[in-house]
Amino acid sequence: MSLSLASLNLHAGRDADGRPYDVTEAIAALSANVVLVQENWRPAGTDSLARRAALAGGYESLAELDVLAGTSLSGLSIADSAQPGAWGLAVLSRFPMRSCSAVALGAAPGDVAGVRMAQVVEIEYAEDALLRVVNVHLTHRLVHGPGQLRRLIRALEDSDQPTVIGGDFNMCRPTVHLARGYRPVVRGRTWPARRPVAQIDHILTGPGVGVARQAVAAPQGSDHLPIRASLLLAGHRRAPWLAQASASDVSGS
């Protein structure tokens, strides 16, 4: 079976100059079964960018993780706006989600985001066939990113489930090979979107996950370019403990 997966750092719905763009259109343009987004933005008292896109795009499931609450776009140096809100991660899926959890990756000195988190979601793409999808946004403090990646890989070692890791790693392709047991499958510069000089956005696949196609996609408004891959998956029996996963862990769209 083939499953399309895309990743995009939304930059809180603003371009490199802080001007808003249409996030719902951007996500729809990726035409993917599963979309990982970083720098999701939820203004206080209203829906997040990811939730609006999920509702408009007919995504069956949505999981969100606030990494930093009670902040503002000006506090994040994204745009001149003092409106409070929450900044974090989200996964949109056309398949049901059976569980979601978070992995703490540690804080880096000088990183306003504080403790970085990884979002781990179990997606049932066919009957009793599960894919573990991990959404990451590692620190921009380059010296500390490799340690966060190693921490994540150690946390994922407790399962032999087919796994894909995607997101904004804030590190170039040679460094992501520190993720032992995973291989980067997208090749191409992704940042900055206007004139890319480096690839810092990646999709990594573990054993049991093949790739039919991969690409850096066209710009959609963010300061990052999206990335996309068509994954080849076989059946995988549900782990026994998943039957006990609480439905409250997953937010349906």
C-alpha atoms as a PDB file:
ATOM      1  CA  MET A   1       0.000   0.000   0.000  1.00  0.00           C
ATOM      2  CA  SER A   2       1.135   3.550  -0.717  1.00  0.00           C
ATOM      3  CA  LEU A   3       0.587   6.395   1.753  1.00  0.00           C
ATOM      4  CA  SER A   4       1.499   9.992   0.963  1.00  0.00           C
ATOM      5  CA  LEU A   5       3.075  12.006   3.767  1.00  0.00           C
ATOM      6  CA  ALA A   6       4.089  15.662   3.743  1.00  0.00           C
ATOM      7  CA  SER A   7       5.732  18.011   6.200  1.00  0.00           C
ATOM      8  CA  LEU A   8       5.671  21.806   6.413  1.00  0.00           C
ATOM      9  CA  ASN A   9       6.881  24.314   8.965  1.00  0.00           C
ATOM     10  CA  LEU A  10       3.956  26.762   8.943  1.00  0.00           C
ATOM     11  CA  HIS A  11       5.945  29.629  10.507  1.00  0.00           C
ATOM     12  CA  ALA A  12       2.696  30.366  12.369  1.00  0.00           C
ATOM     13  CA  GLY A  13       0.949  31.204   9.100  1.00  0.00           C
ATOM     14  CA  ARG A  14       3.315  34.034   8.208  1.00  0.00           C
ATOM     15  CA  ASP A  15       5.876  34.469   5.449  1.00  0.00           C
ATOM     16  CA  ALA A  16       9.490  35.497   6.036  1.00  0.00           C
ATOM     17  CA  ASP A  17       8.391  39.140   6.368  1.00  0.00           C
ATOM     18  CA  GLY A  18       5.628  38.387   8.857  1.00  0.00           C
ATOM     19  CA  ARG A  19       2.766  38.695   6.373  1.00  0.00           C
ATOM     20  CA  PRO A  20      -0.086  36.142   6.658  1.00  0.00           C
ATOM     21  CA  TYR A  21      -0.699  33.506   3.987  1.00  0.00           C
ATOM     22  CA  ASP A  22      -3.523  30.973   3.535  1.00  0.00           C
ATOM     23  CA  VAL A  23      -2.509  27.897   5.563  1.00  0.00           C
ATOM     24  CA  THR A  24      -5.630  25.978   4.567  1.00  0.00           C
ATOM     25  CA  GLU A  25      -4.738  26.376   0.889  1.00  0.00           C
ATOM     26  CA  ALA A  26      -1.104  25.508   1.600  1.00  0.00           C
ATOM     27  CA  ILE A  27      -2.003  22.200   3.255  1.00  0.00           C
ATOM     28  CA  ALA A  28      -4.583  21.350   0.584  1.00  0.00           C
ATOM     29  CA  ALA A  29      -1.950  21.917  -2.112  1.00  0.00           C
ATOM     30  CA  LEU A  30       0.254  19.189  -0.578  1.00  0.00           C
ATOM     31  CA  SER A  31      -2.435  16.603  -1.440  1.00  0.00           C
ATOM     32  CA  ALA A  32      -1.173  14.168   1.206  1.00  0.00           C
ATOM     33  CA  ASN A  33      -2.887  11.489   3.309  1.00  0.00           C
ATOM     34  CA  VAL A  34      -0.866  12.561   6.349  1.00  0.00           C
ATOM     35  CA  VAL A  35       0.540  16.049   6.948  1.00  0.00           C
ATOM     36  CA  LEU A  36       2.982  16.972   9.693  1.00  0.00           C
ATOM     37  CA  VAL A  37       3.133  20.635  10.596  1.00  0.00           C
ATOM     38  CA  GLN A  38       5.505  22.522  12.811  1.00  0.00           C
ATOM     39  CA  GLU A  39       4.995  26.009  14.252  1.00  0.00           C
ATOM     40  CA  ASN A  40       1.245  25.514  14.353  1.00  0.00           C
ATOM     41  CA  TRP A  41      -0.366  28.624  15.839  1.00  0.00           C
ATOM     42  CA  ARG A  42      -3.489  28.772  18.005  1.00  0.00           C
ATOM     43  CA  PRO A  43      -4.558  32.347  18.802  1.00  0.00           C
ATOM     44  CA  ALA A  44      -6.101  32.540  22.265  1.00  0.00           C
ATOM     45  CA  GLY A  45      -9.821  31.743  22.220  1.00  0.00           C
ATOM     46  CA  THR A  46     -10.049  30.320  18.704  1.00  0.00           C
ATOM     47  CA  ASP A  47      -9.103  27.337  16.540  1.00  0.00           C
ATOM     48  CA  SER A  48      -5.544  26.703  15.470  1.00  0.00           C
ATOM     49  CA  LEU A  49      -4.313  26.996  11.898  1.00  0.00           C
ATOM     50  CA  ALA A  50      -4.025  23.201  11.699  1.00  0.00           C
ATOM     51  CA  ARG A  51      -7.575  22.613  12.953  1.00  0.00           C
ATOM     52  CA  ARG A  52      -9.027  25.038  10.422  1.00  0.00           C
ATOM     53  CA  ALA A  53      -7.102  23.310   7.629  1.00  0.00           C
ATOM     54  CA  ALA A  54      -8.182  19.859   8.825  1.00  0.00           C
ATOM     55  CA  LEU A  55     -11.851  20.842   8.891  1.00  0.00           C
ATOM     56  CA  ALA A  56     -11.700  22.498   5.481  1.00  0.00           C
ATOM     57  CA  GLY A  57      -9.709  19.659   3.926  1.00  0.00           C
ATOM     58  CA  GLY A  58     -11.814  16.798   5.260  1.00  0.00           C
ATOM     59  CA  TYR A  59      -9.068  15.198   7.328  1.00  0.00           C
ATOM     60  CA  GLU A  60     -10.558  12.503   9.536  1.00  0.00           C
ATOM     61  CA  SER A  61      -8.153  12.965  12.436  1.00  0.00           C
ATOM     62  CA  LEU A  62      -6.132  15.748  13.981  1.00  0.00           C
ATOM     63  CA  ALA A  63      -3.667  15.636  16.865  1.00  0.00           C
ATOM     64  CA  GLU A  64      -2.136  18.817  18.275  1.00  0.00           C
ATOM     65  CA  LEU A  65       0.637  19.396  20.781  1.00  0.00           C
ATOM     66  CA  ASP A  66       1.298  22.824  22.268  1.00  0.00           C
ATOM     67  CA  VAL A  67       5.025  23.189  22.833  1.00  0.00           C
ATOM     68  CA  LEU A  68       4.900  26.767  24.061  1.00  0.00           C
ATOM     69  CA  ALA A  69       1.739  28.342  25.476  1.00  0.00           C
ATOM     70  CA  GLY A  70       1.086  31.928  26.528  1.00  0.00           C
ATOM     71  CA  THR A  71       3.358  33.424  23.910  1.00  0.00           C
ATOM     72  CA  SER A  72       2.888  35.810  20.959  1.00  0.00           C
ATOM     73  CA  LEU A  73       4.137  36.125  17.410  1.00  0.00           C
ATOM     74  CA  SER A  74       6.277  39.079  18.413  1.00  0.00           C
ATOM     75  CA  GLY A  75       7.708  37.063  21.303  1.00  0.00           C
ATOM     76  CA  LEU A  76       8.623  34.370  18.785  1.00  0.00           C
ATOM     77  CA  SER A  77      10.135  36.960  16.397  1.00  0.00           C
ATOM     78  CA  ILE A  78       7.696  35.890  13.666  1.00  0.00           C
ATOM     79  CA  ALA A  79       5.518  38.992  13.254  1.00  0.00           C
ATOM     80  CA  ASP A  80       4.664  42.270  14.958  1.00  0.00           C
ATOM     81  CA  SER A  81       1.659  41.006  16.906  1.00  0.00           C
ATOM     82  CA  ALA A  82       1.143  40.876  20.652  1.00  0.00           C
ATOM     83  CA  GLN A  83      -1.962  38.652  20.440  1.00  0.00           C
ATOM     84  CA  PRO A  84      -1.406  35.730  22.836  1.00  0.00           C
ATOM     85  CA  GLY A  85      -1.587  32.129  21.734  1.00  0.00           C
ATOM     86  CA  ALA A  86       0.062  28.711  21.667  1.00  0.00           C
ATOM     87  CA  TRP A  87       2.800  27.477  19.320  1.00  0.00           C
ATOM     88  CA  GLY A  88       3.445  23.834  18.603  1.00  0.00           C
ATOM     89  CA  LEU A  89       3.011  20.731  16.448  1.00  0.00           C
ATOM     90  CA  ALA A  90       0.122  19.033  14.670  1.00  0.00           C
ATOM     91  CA  VAL A  91      -0.581  15.923  12.591  1.00  0.00           C
ATOM     92  CA  LEU A  92      -3.484  15.789  10.128  1.00  0.00           C
ATOM     93  CA  SER A  93      -4.525  12.362   8.860  1.00  0.00           C
ATOM     94  CA  ARG A  94      -7.095  10.907   6.480  1.00  0.00           C
ATOM     95  CA  PHE A  95      -6.785   7.672   8.473  1.00  0.00           C
ATOM     96  CA  PRO A  96      -7.879   7.040  12.077  1.00  0.00           C
ATOM     97  CA  MET A  97      -5.421   7.709  14.883  1.00  0.00           C
ATOM     98  CA  ARG A  98      -5.224   5.039  17.575  1.00  0.00           C
ATOM     99  CA  SER A  99      -2.948   6.822  20.047  1.00  0.00           C
ATOM    100  CA  CYS A 100      -0.811   9.884  20.453  1.00  0.00           C
ATOM    101  CA  SER A 101       1.873  10.836  22.928  1.00  0.00           C
ATOM    102  CA  ALA A 102       4.762  13.237  23.402  1.00  0.00           C
ATOM    103  CA  VAL A 103       8.477  12.758  23.976  1.00  0.00           C
ATOM    104  CA  ALA A 104      10.436  15.472  25.802  1.00  0.00           C
ATOM    105  CA  LEU A 105      13.706  16.164  23.989  1.00  0.00           C
ATOM    106  CA  GLY A 106      15.247  18.689  26.356  1.00  0.00           C
ATOM    107  CA  ALA A 107      15.904  22.426  26.296  1.00  0.00           C
ATOM    108  CA  ALA A 108      18.800  24.287  24.707  1.00  0.00           C
ATOM    109  CA  PRO A 109      20.289  27.451  26.230  1.00  0.00           C
ATOM    110  CA  GLY A 110      18.942  30.531  24.473  1.00  0.00           C
ATOM    111  CA  ASP A 111      16.027  28.684  22.843  1.00  0.00           C
ATOM    112  CA  VAL A 112      12.816  30.616  23.529  1.00  0.00           C
ATOM    113  CA  ALA A 113      10.785  27.438  22.901  1.00  0.00           C
ATOM    114  CA  GLY A 114      12.115  25.879  26.103  1.00  0.00           C
ATOM    115  CA  VAL A 115      11.792  22.096  26.212  1.00  0.00           C
ATOM    116  CA  ARG A 116      11.402  20.790  22.668  1.00  0.00           C
ATOM    117  CA  MET A 117       8.921  17.972  22.146  1.00  0.00           C
ATOM    118  CA  ALA A 118       8.289  15.250  19.592  1.00  0.00           C
ATOM    119  CA  GLN A 119       4.742  14.238  18.735  1.00  0.00           C
ATOM    120  CA  VAL A 120       4.177  10.483  18.299  1.00  0.00           C
ATOM    121  CA  VAL A 121       0.986   9.295  16.594  1.00  0.00           C
ATOM    122  CA  GLU A 122      -0.176   5.778  15.713  1.00  0.00           C
ATOM    123  CA  ILE A 123      -2.114   5.740  12.421  1.00  0.00           C
ATOM    124  CA  GLU A 124      -4.211   2.779  11.316  1.00  0.00           C
ATOM    125  CA  TYR A 125      -3.869   2.923   7.521  1.00  0.00           C
ATOM    126  CA  ALA A 126      -5.541  -0.472   6.981  1.00  0.00           C
ATOM    127  CA  GLU A 127      -7.239  -3.025   9.206  1.00  0.00           C
ATOM    128  CA  ASP A 128      -4.764  -4.010  11.947  1.00  0.00           C
ATOM    129  CA  ALA A 129      -2.017  -2.178  10.033  1.00  0.00           C
ATOM    130  CA  LEU A 130      -0.332   0.611  11.965  1.00  0.00           C
ATOM    131  CA  LEU A 131       2.282   3.204  11.152  1.00  0.00           C
ATOM    132  CA  ARG A 132       4.029   5.180  13.876  1.00  0.00           C
ATOM    133  CA  VAL A 133       4.453   8.778  12.731  1.00  0.00           C
ATOM    134  CA  VAL A 134       6.765  11.107  14.637  1.00  0.00           C
ATOM    135  CA  ASN A 135       6.565  14.881  14.143  1.00  0.00           C
ATOM    136  CA  VAL A 136       9.581  16.922  15.246  1.00  0.00           C
ATOM    137  CA  HIS A 137      10.843  20.473  15.421  1.00  0.00           C
ATOM    138  CA  LEU A 138      14.321  20.402  16.885  1.00  0.00           C
ATOM    139  CA  THR A 139      16.132  23.398  18.325  1.00  0.00           C
ATOM    140  CA  HIS A 140      17.753  25.998  16.105  1.00  0.00           C
ATOM    141  CA  ARG A 141      20.653  26.082  18.580  1.00  0.00           C
ATOM    142  CA  LEU A 142      22.766  23.879  16.349  1.00  0.00           C
ATOM    143  CA  VAL A 143      25.118  22.457  18.964  1.00  0.00           C
ATOM    144  CA  HIS A 144      22.175  20.969  20.877  1.00  0.00           C
ATOM    145  CA  GLY A 145      20.112  19.542  18.005  1.00  0.00           C
ATOM    146  CA  PRO A 146      22.063  16.270  17.677  1.00  0.00           C
ATOM    147  CA  GLY A 147      21.516  15.502  21.364  1.00  0.00           C
ATOM    148  CA  GLN A 148      17.766  16.017  20.970  1.00  0.00           C
ATOM    149  CA  LEU A 149      17.731  13.697  17.951  1.00  0.00           C
ATOM    150  CA  ARG A 150      19.624  10.972  19.835  1.00  0.00           C
ATOM    151  CA  ARG A 151      17.186  11.343  22.741  1.00  0.00           C
ATOM    152  CA  LEU A 152      14.281  10.818  20.369  1.00  0.00           C
ATOM    153  CA  ILE A 153      15.795   7.713  18.760  1.00  0.00           C
ATOM    154  CA  ARG A 154      16.393   6.167  22.188  1.00  0.00           C
ATOM    155  CA  ALA A 155      12.755   6.821  23.110  1.00  0.00           C
ATOM    156  CA  LEU A 156      11.557   5.040  19.963  1.00  0.00           C
ATOM    157  CA  GLU A 157      13.636   1.907  20.493  1.00  0.00           C
ATOM    158  CA  ASP A 158      10.961   0.141  22.571  1.00  0.00           C
ATOM    159  CA  SER A 159       8.949  -0.899  19.498  1.00  0.00           C
ATOM    160  CA  ASP A 160       9.568  -2.672  16.203  1.00  0.00           C
ATOM    161  CA  GLN A 161       6.602  -0.942  14.620  1.00  0.00           C
ATOM    162  CA  PRO A 162       7.166   0.633  11.173  1.00  0.00           C
ATOM    163  CA  THR A 163       8.071   4.250  11.859  1.00  0.00           C
ATOM    164  CA  VAL A 164       8.560   7.457   9.934  1.00  0.00           C
ATOM    165  CA  ILE A 165      10.011  10.652  11.445  1.00  0.00           C
ATOM    166  CA  GLY A 166       9.414  13.977   9.744  1.00  0.00           C
ATOM    167  CA  GLY A 167       9.637  17.682  10.346  1.00  0.00           C
ATOM    168  CA  ASP A 168      11.979  20.606  10.785  1.00  0.00           C
ATOM    169  CA  PHE A 169      15.207  19.169  12.149  1.00  0.00           C
ATOM    170  CA  ASN A 170      17.140  22.452  11.948  1.00  0.00           C
ATOM    171  CA  MET A 171      20.117  20.399  10.766  1.00  0.00           C
ATOM    172  CA  CYS A 172      21.542  19.487   7.376  1.00  0.00           C
ATOM    173  CA  ARG A 173      21.316  16.093   5.710  1.00  0.00           C
ATOM    174  CA  PRO A 174      24.681  14.661   6.896  1.00  0.00           C
ATOM    175  CA  THR A 175      23.770  15.292  10.544  1.00  0.00           C
ATOM    176  CA  VAL A 176      20.430  13.465  10.437  1.00  0.00           C
ATOM    177  CA  HIS A 177      22.343  10.225   9.859  1.00  0.00           C
ATOM    178  CA  LEU A 178      22.798  10.334  13.648  1.00  0.00           C
ATOM    179  CA  ALA A 179      19.303   8.810  13.703  1.00  0.00           C
ATOM    180  CA  ARG A 180      20.615   5.233  13.705  1.00  0.00           C
ATOM    181  CA  GLY A 181      18.303   2.793  11.972  1.00  0.00           C
ATOM    182  CA  TYR A 182      16.558   5.494   9.916  1.00  0.00           C
ATOM    183  CA  ARG A 183      17.367   6.873   6.491  1.00  0.00           C
ATOM    184  CA  PRO A 184      16.587  10.308   5.026  1.00  0.00           C
ATOM    185  CA  VAL A 185      14.465   9.877   1.906  1.00  0.00           C
ATOM    186  CA  VAL A 186      13.931  13.445   0.637  1.00  0.00           C
ATOM    187  CA  ARG A 187      16.803  15.299  -0.994  1.00  0.00           C
ATOM    188  CA  GLY A 188      16.681  19.016  -1.786  1.00  0.00           C
ATOM    189  CA  ARG A 189      17.126  22.428  -0.210  1.00  0.00           C
ATOM    190  CA  THR A 190      14.186  23.636   1.868  1.00  0.00           C
ATOM    191  CA  TRP A 191      15.244  26.867   3.591  1.00  0.00           C
ATOM    192  CA  PRO A 192      14.808  29.755   3.195  1.00  0.00           C
ATOM    193  CA  ALA A 193      11.911  29.284   0.793  1.00  0.00           C
ATOM    194  CA  ARG A 194      12.709  32.303  -1.384  1.00  0.00           C
ATOM    195  CA  ARG A 195      16.229  31.155  -2.194  1.00  0.00           C
ATOM    196  CA  PRO A 196      16.980  27.830  -0.486  1.00  0.00           C
ATOM    197  CA  VAL A 197      20.564  27.237   0.580  1.00  0.00           C
ATOM    198  CA  ALA A 198      20.163  24.260   2.940  1.00  0.00           C
ATOM    199  CA  GLN A 199      17.966  21.250   3.621  1.00  0.00           C
ATOM    200  CA  ILE A 200      16.818  21.373   7.229  1.00  0.00           C
ATOM    201  CA  ASP A 201      13.430  19.660   6.736  1.00  0.00           C
ATOM    202  CA  HIS A 202      13.540  15.876   6.453  1.00  0.00           C
ATOM    203  CA  ILE A 203      11.543  12.652   6.305  1.00  0.00           C
ATOM    204  CA  LEU A 204      13.301   9.609   7.803  1.00  0.00           C
ATOM    205  CA  THR A 205      12.030   6.066   7.351  1.00  0.00           C
ATOM    206  CA  GLY A 206      12.728   3.031   9.510  1.00  0.00           C
ATOM    207  CA  PRO A 207      12.664  -0.685   8.671  1.00  0.00           C
ATOM    208  CA  GLY A 208       9.520  -1.853   6.909  1.00  0.00           C
ATOM    209  CA  VAL A 209       8.838   1.501   5.245  1.00  0.00           C
ATOM    210  CA  GLY A 210       9.765   1.909   1.579  1.00  0.00           C
ATOM    211  CA  VAL A 211       9.599   4.996  -0.616  1.00  0.00           C
ATOM    212  CA  ALA A 212       8.183   5.193  -4.132  1.00  0.00           C
ATOM    213  CA  ARG A 213       8.595   8.939  -4.727  1.00  0.00           C
ATOM    214  CA  GLN A 214       9.946  11.943  -2.870  1.00  0.00           C
ATOM    215  CA  ALA A 215      10.199  15.663  -3.538  1.00  0.00           C
ATOM    216  CA  VAL A 216      10.704  19.132  -2.184  1.00  0.00           C
ATOM    217  CA  ALA A 217       7.392  20.769  -3.055  1.00  0.00           C
ATOM    218  CA  ALA A 218       6.586  24.231  -4.382  1.00  0.00           C
ATOM    219  CA  PRO A 219       6.535  27.182  -1.958  1.00  0.00           C
ATOM    220  CA  GLN A 220       3.227  27.671  -0.154  1.00  0.00           C
ATOM    221  CA  GLY A 221       3.806  30.937   1.720  1.00  0.00           C
ATOM    222  CA  SER A 222       5.945  29.827   4.659  1.00  0.00           C
ATOM    223  CA  ASP A 223       9.642  30.594   4.996  1.00  0.00           C
ATOM    224  CA  HIS A 224      10.224  26.816   4.597  1.00  0.00           C
ATOM    225  CA  LEU A 225       9.503  24.699   1.529  1.00  0.00           C
ATOM    226  CA  PRO A 226       7.265  21.651   2.070  1.00  0.00           C
ATOM    227  CA  ILE A 227       8.569  18.128   1.586  1.00  0.00           C
ATOM    228  CA  ARG A 228       6.611  15.076   0.475  1.00  0.00           C
ATOM    229  CA  ALA A 229       7.087  11.315   0.100  1.00  0.00           C
ATOM    230  CA  SER A 230       4.996   8.366  -1.066  1.00  0.00           C
ATOM    231  CA  LEU A 231       5.578   5.593   1.461  1.00  0.00           C
ATOM    232  CA  LEU A 232       5.265   1.898   0.656  1.00  0.00           C
ATOM    233  CA  LEU A 233       3.785  -0.059   3.562  1.00  0.00           C
ATOM    234  CA  ALA A 234       2.970  -3.677   4.305  1.00  0.00           C
ATOM    235  CA  GLY A 235       0.473  -4.982   6.866  1.00  0.00           C
ATOM    236  CA  HIS A 236       1.511  -4.874  10.518  1.00  0.00           C
ATOM    237  CA  ARG A 237      -0.458  -6.382  13.375  1.00  0.00           C
ATOM    238  CA  ARG A 238      -1.652  -4.068  16.080  1.00  0.00           C
ATOM    239  CA  ALA A 239       0.432  -4.149  19.238  1.00  0.00           C
ATOM    240  CA  PRO A 240      -1.670  -5.529  22.158  1.00  0.00           C
ATOM    241  CA  TRP A 241      -1.259  -2.427  24.282  1.00  0.00           C
ATOM    242  CA  LEU A 242      -2.821  -0.249  21.581  1.00  0.00           C
ATOM    243  CA  ALA A 243      -6.222  -1.792  22.230  1.00  0.00           C
ATOM    244  CA  GLN A 244      -6.116  -0.067  25.597  1.00  0.00           C
ATOM    245  CA  ALA A 245      -5.217   3.378  24.198  1.00  0.00           C
ATOM    246  CA  SER A 246      -7.663   6.025  25.327  1.00  0.00           C
ATOM    247  CA  ALA A 247      -9.680   7.682  22.601  1.00  0.00           C
ATOM    248  CA  SER A 248      -9.293  10.924  24.541  1.00  0.00           C
ATOM    249  CA  ASP A 249      -5.647  10.979  23.532  1.00  0.00           C
ATOM    250  CA  VAL A 250      -6.621  11.775  19.952  1.00  0.00           C
ATOM    251  CA  SER A 251      -8.510  14.847  18.781  1.00  0.00           C
ATOM    252  CA  GLY A 252     -10.824  14.070  15.866  1.00  0.00           C
ATOM    253  CA  SER A 253     -11.292  16.673  13.196  1.00  0.00           C
END
